[in-house]
N, C-alpha and C. Protein backbone atom coordinates (compact mmCIF):
# COMPACT_ATOMS: atom_id res chain seq x y z
N MET A 1 0.82 -1.18 -0.01
CA MET A 1 0.00 0.01 0.00
C MET A 1 0.86 1.28 0.00
N ALA A 2 2.00 1.18 0.72
CA ALA A 2 2.87 2.35 0.76
C ALA A 2 3.42 2.66 -0.62
N GLY A 3 3.78 1.59 -1.40
CA GLY A 3 4.25 1.84 -2.76
C GLY A 3 3.21 2.50 -3.63
N ALA A 4 1.96 2.07 -3.50
CA ALA A 4 0.89 2.69 -4.28
C ALA A 4 0.66 4.13 -3.89
N LEU A 5 0.69 4.40 -2.61
CA LEU A 5 0.51 5.79 -2.19
C LEU A 5 1.68 6.69 -2.68
N ALA A 6 2.88 6.18 -2.61
CA ALA A 6 4.05 6.92 -3.13
C ALA A 6 3.94 7.15 -4.62
N ALA A 7 3.41 6.15 -5.36
CA ALA A 7 3.26 6.35 -6.83
C ALA A 7 2.18 7.37 -7.09
N ILE A 8 1.15 7.42 -6.32
CA ILE A 8 0.10 8.44 -6.50
C ILE A 8 0.73 9.81 -6.20
N GLY A 9 1.56 9.90 -5.15
CA GLY A 9 2.19 11.16 -4.84
C GLY A 9 3.12 11.61 -5.93
N ALA A 10 3.81 10.62 -6.60
CA ALA A 10 4.72 11.00 -7.68
C ALA A 10 3.98 11.47 -8.92
N SER A 11 2.82 10.99 -9.12
CA SER A 11 2.09 11.35 -10.37
C SER A 11 1.01 12.42 -10.14
N VAL A 12 0.88 12.95 -8.93
CA VAL A 12 -0.14 13.96 -8.67
C VAL A 12 0.08 15.21 -9.47
N CYS A 13 1.29 15.55 -9.80
CA CYS A 13 1.53 16.76 -10.59
C CYS A 13 1.09 16.64 -12.03
N CYS A 14 0.96 15.44 -12.52
CA CYS A 14 0.60 15.24 -13.92
C CYS A 14 -0.80 14.61 -14.07
N VAL A 15 -1.13 13.69 -13.20
CA VAL A 15 -2.44 13.02 -13.30
C VAL A 15 -3.53 13.93 -12.81
N GLY A 16 -3.25 14.72 -11.78
CA GLY A 16 -4.28 15.57 -11.23
C GLY A 16 -4.90 16.54 -12.24
N PRO A 17 -4.07 17.38 -12.90
CA PRO A 17 -4.61 18.28 -13.92
C PRO A 17 -5.29 17.54 -15.07
N LEU A 18 -4.67 16.44 -15.48
CA LEU A 18 -5.24 15.65 -16.63
C LEU A 18 -6.63 15.14 -16.24
N LEU A 19 -6.75 14.64 -15.01
CA LEU A 19 -8.06 14.12 -14.53
C LEU A 19 -9.09 15.23 -14.41
N LEU A 20 -8.68 16.39 -13.89
CA LEU A 20 -9.63 17.49 -13.71
C LEU A 20 -10.06 18.03 -15.08
N ILE A 21 -9.19 18.12 -16.04
CA ILE A 21 -9.55 18.59 -17.39
C ILE A 21 -10.47 17.54 -18.06
N ALA A 22 -10.21 16.26 -17.82
CA ALA A 22 -11.06 15.22 -18.40
C ALA A 22 -12.47 15.29 -17.82
N LEU A 23 -12.59 15.74 -16.57
CA LEU A 23 -13.90 15.88 -15.91
C LEU A 23 -14.59 17.19 -16.30
N GLY A 24 -13.90 18.04 -17.03
CA GLY A 24 -14.49 19.30 -17.46
C GLY A 24 -14.23 20.44 -16.52
N ILE A 25 -13.36 20.21 -15.55
CA ILE A 25 -13.02 21.27 -14.56
C ILE A 25 -11.73 21.91 -15.10
N GLY A 26 -11.81 23.19 -15.33
CA GLY A 26 -10.63 23.89 -15.84
C GLY A 26 -10.48 25.26 -15.25
N GLY A 27 -9.52 25.94 -15.68
CA GLY A 27 -9.25 27.29 -15.20
C GLY A 27 -7.75 27.48 -15.02
N GLY A 28 -7.43 28.72 -14.75
CA GLY A 28 -6.03 29.08 -14.54
C GLY A 28 -5.39 28.38 -13.32
N TRP A 29 -6.16 28.11 -12.34
CA TRP A 29 -5.65 27.51 -11.13
C TRP A 29 -5.13 26.08 -11.32
N VAL A 30 -5.58 25.42 -12.37
CA VAL A 30 -5.17 24.01 -12.60
C VAL A 30 -3.67 23.95 -12.82
N SER A 31 -3.07 25.01 -13.40
CA SER A 31 -1.63 24.98 -13.61
C SER A 31 -0.83 25.05 -12.32
N ASN A 32 -1.47 25.50 -11.22
CA ASN A 32 -0.79 25.54 -9.94
C ASN A 32 -0.65 24.14 -9.31
N LEU A 33 -1.30 23.16 -9.86
CA LEU A 33 -1.18 21.84 -9.29
C LEU A 33 0.17 21.18 -9.60
N SER A 34 0.97 21.83 -10.42
CA SER A 34 2.29 21.27 -10.74
C SER A 34 3.31 21.66 -9.66
N ALA A 35 2.89 22.20 -8.53
CA ALA A 35 3.80 22.58 -7.44
C ALA A 35 4.52 21.36 -6.86
N MET A 36 3.97 20.20 -6.99
CA MET A 36 4.59 18.97 -6.47
C MET A 36 5.66 18.39 -7.43
N ALA A 37 5.79 18.96 -8.61
CA ALA A 37 6.68 18.39 -9.61
C ALA A 37 8.14 18.30 -9.11
N PRO A 38 8.66 19.21 -8.35
CA PRO A 38 10.06 19.05 -7.87
C PRO A 38 10.26 17.88 -6.95
N TYR A 39 9.18 17.42 -6.28
CA TYR A 39 9.31 16.31 -5.36
C TYR A 39 9.06 14.96 -6.03
N ARG A 40 8.78 14.95 -7.31
CA ARG A 40 8.47 13.74 -8.04
C ARG A 40 9.56 12.69 -7.93
N PRO A 41 10.86 13.02 -8.09
CA PRO A 41 11.87 11.96 -7.96
C PRO A 41 11.92 11.34 -6.57
N VAL A 42 11.59 12.09 -5.52
CA VAL A 42 11.53 11.52 -4.15
C VAL A 42 10.42 10.49 -4.09
N PHE A 43 9.21 10.86 -4.58
CA PHE A 43 8.12 9.96 -4.55
C PHE A 43 8.35 8.75 -5.41
N ILE A 44 9.02 8.88 -6.52
CA ILE A 44 9.30 7.73 -7.43
C ILE A 44 10.24 6.78 -6.67
N GLY A 45 11.23 7.33 -6.02
CA GLY A 45 12.17 6.50 -5.24
C GLY A 45 11.44 5.75 -4.13
N LEU A 46 10.57 6.44 -3.41
CA LEU A 46 9.83 5.80 -2.34
C LEU A 46 8.88 4.72 -2.88
N ALA A 47 8.27 4.97 -4.00
CA ALA A 47 7.36 3.97 -4.59
C ALA A 47 8.13 2.73 -4.97
N LEU A 48 9.27 2.90 -5.63
CA LEU A 48 10.06 1.74 -6.01
C LEU A 48 10.65 1.03 -4.80
N LEU A 49 11.05 1.76 -3.78
CA LEU A 49 11.57 1.14 -2.56
C LEU A 49 10.49 0.30 -1.90
N PHE A 50 9.30 0.88 -1.68
CA PHE A 50 8.23 0.12 -1.03
C PHE A 50 7.76 -1.07 -1.87
N LEU A 51 7.69 -0.91 -3.16
CA LEU A 51 7.32 -2.07 -3.98
C LEU A 51 8.38 -3.19 -3.91
N GLY A 52 9.61 -2.78 -3.88
CA GLY A 52 10.72 -3.75 -3.74
C GLY A 52 10.66 -4.48 -2.39
N LEU A 53 10.40 -3.75 -1.31
CA LEU A 53 10.32 -4.39 0.00
C LEU A 53 9.13 -5.30 0.07
N ALA A 54 8.01 -4.95 -0.52
CA ALA A 54 6.83 -5.81 -0.51
C ALA A 54 7.10 -7.05 -1.31
N CYS A 55 7.78 -6.94 -2.45
CA CYS A 55 8.14 -8.11 -3.30
C CYS A 55 9.07 -9.02 -2.54
N ARG A 56 10.04 -8.43 -1.85
CA ARG A 56 10.98 -9.27 -1.05
C ARG A 56 10.25 -10.02 0.02
N LYS A 57 9.29 -9.36 0.70
CA LYS A 57 8.59 -10.04 1.79
C LYS A 57 7.72 -11.16 1.25
N LEU A 58 7.08 -10.95 0.10
CA LEU A 58 6.18 -11.95 -0.45
C LEU A 58 6.93 -13.17 -1.06
N TYR A 59 8.11 -12.94 -1.60
CA TYR A 59 8.82 -14.01 -2.29
C TYR A 59 10.00 -14.53 -1.55
N SER A 60 10.27 -14.08 -0.31
CA SER A 60 11.33 -14.64 0.48
C SER A 60 10.84 -15.96 1.09
N PRO A 61 11.79 -16.80 1.51
CA PRO A 61 11.35 -18.08 2.09
C PRO A 61 10.34 -17.83 3.25
N PRO A 62 9.31 -18.60 3.27
CA PRO A 62 8.26 -18.38 4.28
C PRO A 62 8.77 -18.71 5.66
N LEU A 63 8.28 -17.96 6.65
CA LEU A 63 8.59 -18.19 8.01
C LEU A 63 7.81 -19.40 8.50
N ILE A 64 8.27 -20.05 9.51
CA ILE A 64 7.55 -21.18 10.11
C ILE A 64 6.26 -20.62 10.74
N CYS A 65 5.19 -21.23 10.42
CA CYS A 65 3.87 -20.71 10.87
C CYS A 65 3.08 -21.84 11.47
N THR A 66 2.52 -21.59 12.64
CA THR A 66 1.69 -22.63 13.26
C THR A 66 0.37 -22.69 12.52
N PRO A 67 -0.26 -23.88 12.53
CA PRO A 67 -1.56 -24.02 11.83
C PRO A 67 -2.61 -23.11 12.47
N GLY A 68 -3.39 -22.50 11.61
CA GLY A 68 -4.48 -21.66 12.11
C GLY A 68 -4.38 -20.22 11.62
N PRO A 69 -3.26 -19.50 11.79
CA PRO A 69 -3.25 -18.12 11.33
C PRO A 69 -3.26 -18.03 9.81
N PRO A 70 -3.54 -16.86 9.25
CA PRO A 70 -3.64 -16.73 7.77
C PRO A 70 -2.39 -17.10 7.03
N CYS A 71 -1.22 -16.95 7.68
CA CYS A 71 0.01 -17.23 6.94
C CYS A 71 0.18 -18.73 6.64
N ALA A 72 -0.57 -19.60 7.34
CA ALA A 72 -0.53 -21.04 7.13
C ALA A 72 -1.30 -21.47 5.88
N ASP A 73 -2.18 -20.65 5.39
CA ASP A 73 -3.04 -21.00 4.26
C ASP A 73 -2.32 -20.56 2.94
N PRO A 74 -2.04 -21.50 2.04
CA PRO A 74 -1.35 -21.14 0.78
C PRO A 74 -2.25 -20.25 -0.12
N ARG A 75 -3.53 -20.32 0.03
CA ARG A 75 -4.42 -19.45 -0.77
C ARG A 75 -4.28 -17.98 -0.39
N THR A 76 -4.02 -17.79 0.88
CA THR A 76 -3.82 -16.36 1.37
C THR A 76 -2.56 -15.79 0.71
N LEU A 77 -1.47 -16.57 0.63
CA LEU A 77 -0.26 -16.07 0.01
C LEU A 77 -0.48 -15.78 -1.48
N LYS A 78 -1.23 -16.65 -2.15
CA LYS A 78 -1.57 -16.41 -3.55
C LYS A 78 -2.35 -15.12 -3.73
N ARG A 79 -3.33 -14.88 -2.88
CA ARG A 79 -4.10 -13.64 -2.92
C ARG A 79 -3.23 -12.43 -2.69
N TRP A 80 -2.32 -12.49 -1.71
CA TRP A 80 -1.43 -11.39 -1.46
C TRP A 80 -0.54 -11.08 -2.62
N ARG A 81 -0.05 -12.19 -3.26
CA ARG A 81 0.82 -11.96 -4.45
C ARG A 81 0.03 -11.35 -5.59
N LEU A 82 -1.18 -11.83 -5.78
CA LEU A 82 -2.03 -11.26 -6.86
C LEU A 82 -2.33 -9.77 -6.59
N ALA A 83 -2.62 -9.45 -5.36
CA ALA A 83 -2.87 -8.04 -5.01
C ALA A 83 -1.60 -7.22 -5.22
N PHE A 84 -0.44 -7.76 -4.84
CA PHE A 84 0.78 -7.05 -5.07
C PHE A 84 1.03 -6.73 -6.53
N TRP A 85 0.84 -7.68 -7.41
CA TRP A 85 1.09 -7.47 -8.80
C TRP A 85 0.10 -6.52 -9.43
N LEU A 86 -1.13 -6.55 -8.98
CA LEU A 86 -2.14 -5.58 -9.44
C LEU A 86 -1.76 -4.17 -9.02
N ILE A 87 -1.39 -4.00 -7.75
CA ILE A 87 -0.97 -2.69 -7.25
C ILE A 87 0.33 -2.24 -7.91
N ALA A 88 1.26 -3.15 -8.15
CA ALA A 88 2.49 -2.79 -8.79
C ALA A 88 2.28 -2.33 -10.22
N ALA A 89 1.37 -3.00 -10.94
CA ALA A 89 1.05 -2.61 -12.31
C ALA A 89 0.42 -1.22 -12.38
N MET A 90 -0.54 -0.99 -11.46
CA MET A 90 -1.20 0.31 -11.40
C MET A 90 -0.19 1.41 -11.01
N SER A 91 0.68 1.11 -10.05
CA SER A 91 1.67 2.11 -9.64
C SER A 91 2.63 2.42 -10.76
N LEU A 92 3.13 1.43 -11.45
CA LEU A 92 4.02 1.68 -12.57
C LEU A 92 3.33 2.43 -13.70
N GLY A 93 2.05 2.16 -13.88
CA GLY A 93 1.27 2.90 -14.87
C GLY A 93 1.15 4.38 -14.49
N LEU A 94 0.92 4.64 -13.18
CA LEU A 94 0.88 6.01 -12.73
C LEU A 94 2.23 6.72 -12.90
N LEU A 95 3.30 5.99 -12.67
CA LEU A 95 4.63 6.57 -12.81
C LEU A 95 4.94 6.86 -14.26
N ALA A 96 4.32 6.19 -15.19
CA ALA A 96 4.60 6.37 -16.61
C ALA A 96 3.72 7.50 -17.22
N VAL A 97 2.76 8.00 -16.52
CA VAL A 97 1.83 9.01 -17.03
C VAL A 97 2.57 10.24 -17.58
N PRO A 98 3.56 10.82 -16.84
CA PRO A 98 4.19 12.02 -17.36
C PRO A 98 4.90 11.82 -18.73
N ARG A 99 5.42 10.66 -18.94
CA ARG A 99 6.05 10.37 -20.23
C ARG A 99 5.03 10.09 -21.35
N LEU A 100 3.90 9.54 -20.94
CA LEU A 100 2.89 9.17 -21.93
C LEU A 100 1.88 10.29 -22.18
N ALA A 101 1.79 11.28 -21.28
CA ALA A 101 0.78 12.33 -21.41
C ALA A 101 0.91 13.15 -22.69
N PRO A 102 2.13 13.46 -23.20
CA PRO A 102 2.17 14.20 -24.46
C PRO A 102 1.54 13.46 -25.66
N LEU A 103 1.40 12.16 -25.54
CA LEU A 103 0.78 11.43 -26.64
C LEU A 103 -0.73 11.71 -26.74
N PHE A 104 -1.29 12.18 -25.63
CA PHE A 104 -2.76 12.41 -25.57
C PHE A 104 -3.15 13.87 -25.77
N PHE A 105 -2.14 14.75 -25.83
CA PHE A 105 -2.48 16.19 -26.06
C PHE A 105 -2.28 16.60 -27.48
């Protein structure tokens, strides 16, 4: 979740105005939403760091788990991995928006 939030923070300078314009909300103040642009590399680094840590935790050798808790169920691990890859794909898509945005204007 931290990686997804960091990816949203990294793309807020580009996705925010694009989303507002797509919804029909415009005006001169929309250009002020790019104030977060200087912090974009920090958010990108955080997003990649958190996604890497989550991947490491999900794919490292499992800890010994007593029967009963959710970690003992292999279906739970499969669901966590699926959720991770869905969030990672969405996060990387958000990080790619600034490079892909000129194709839509």
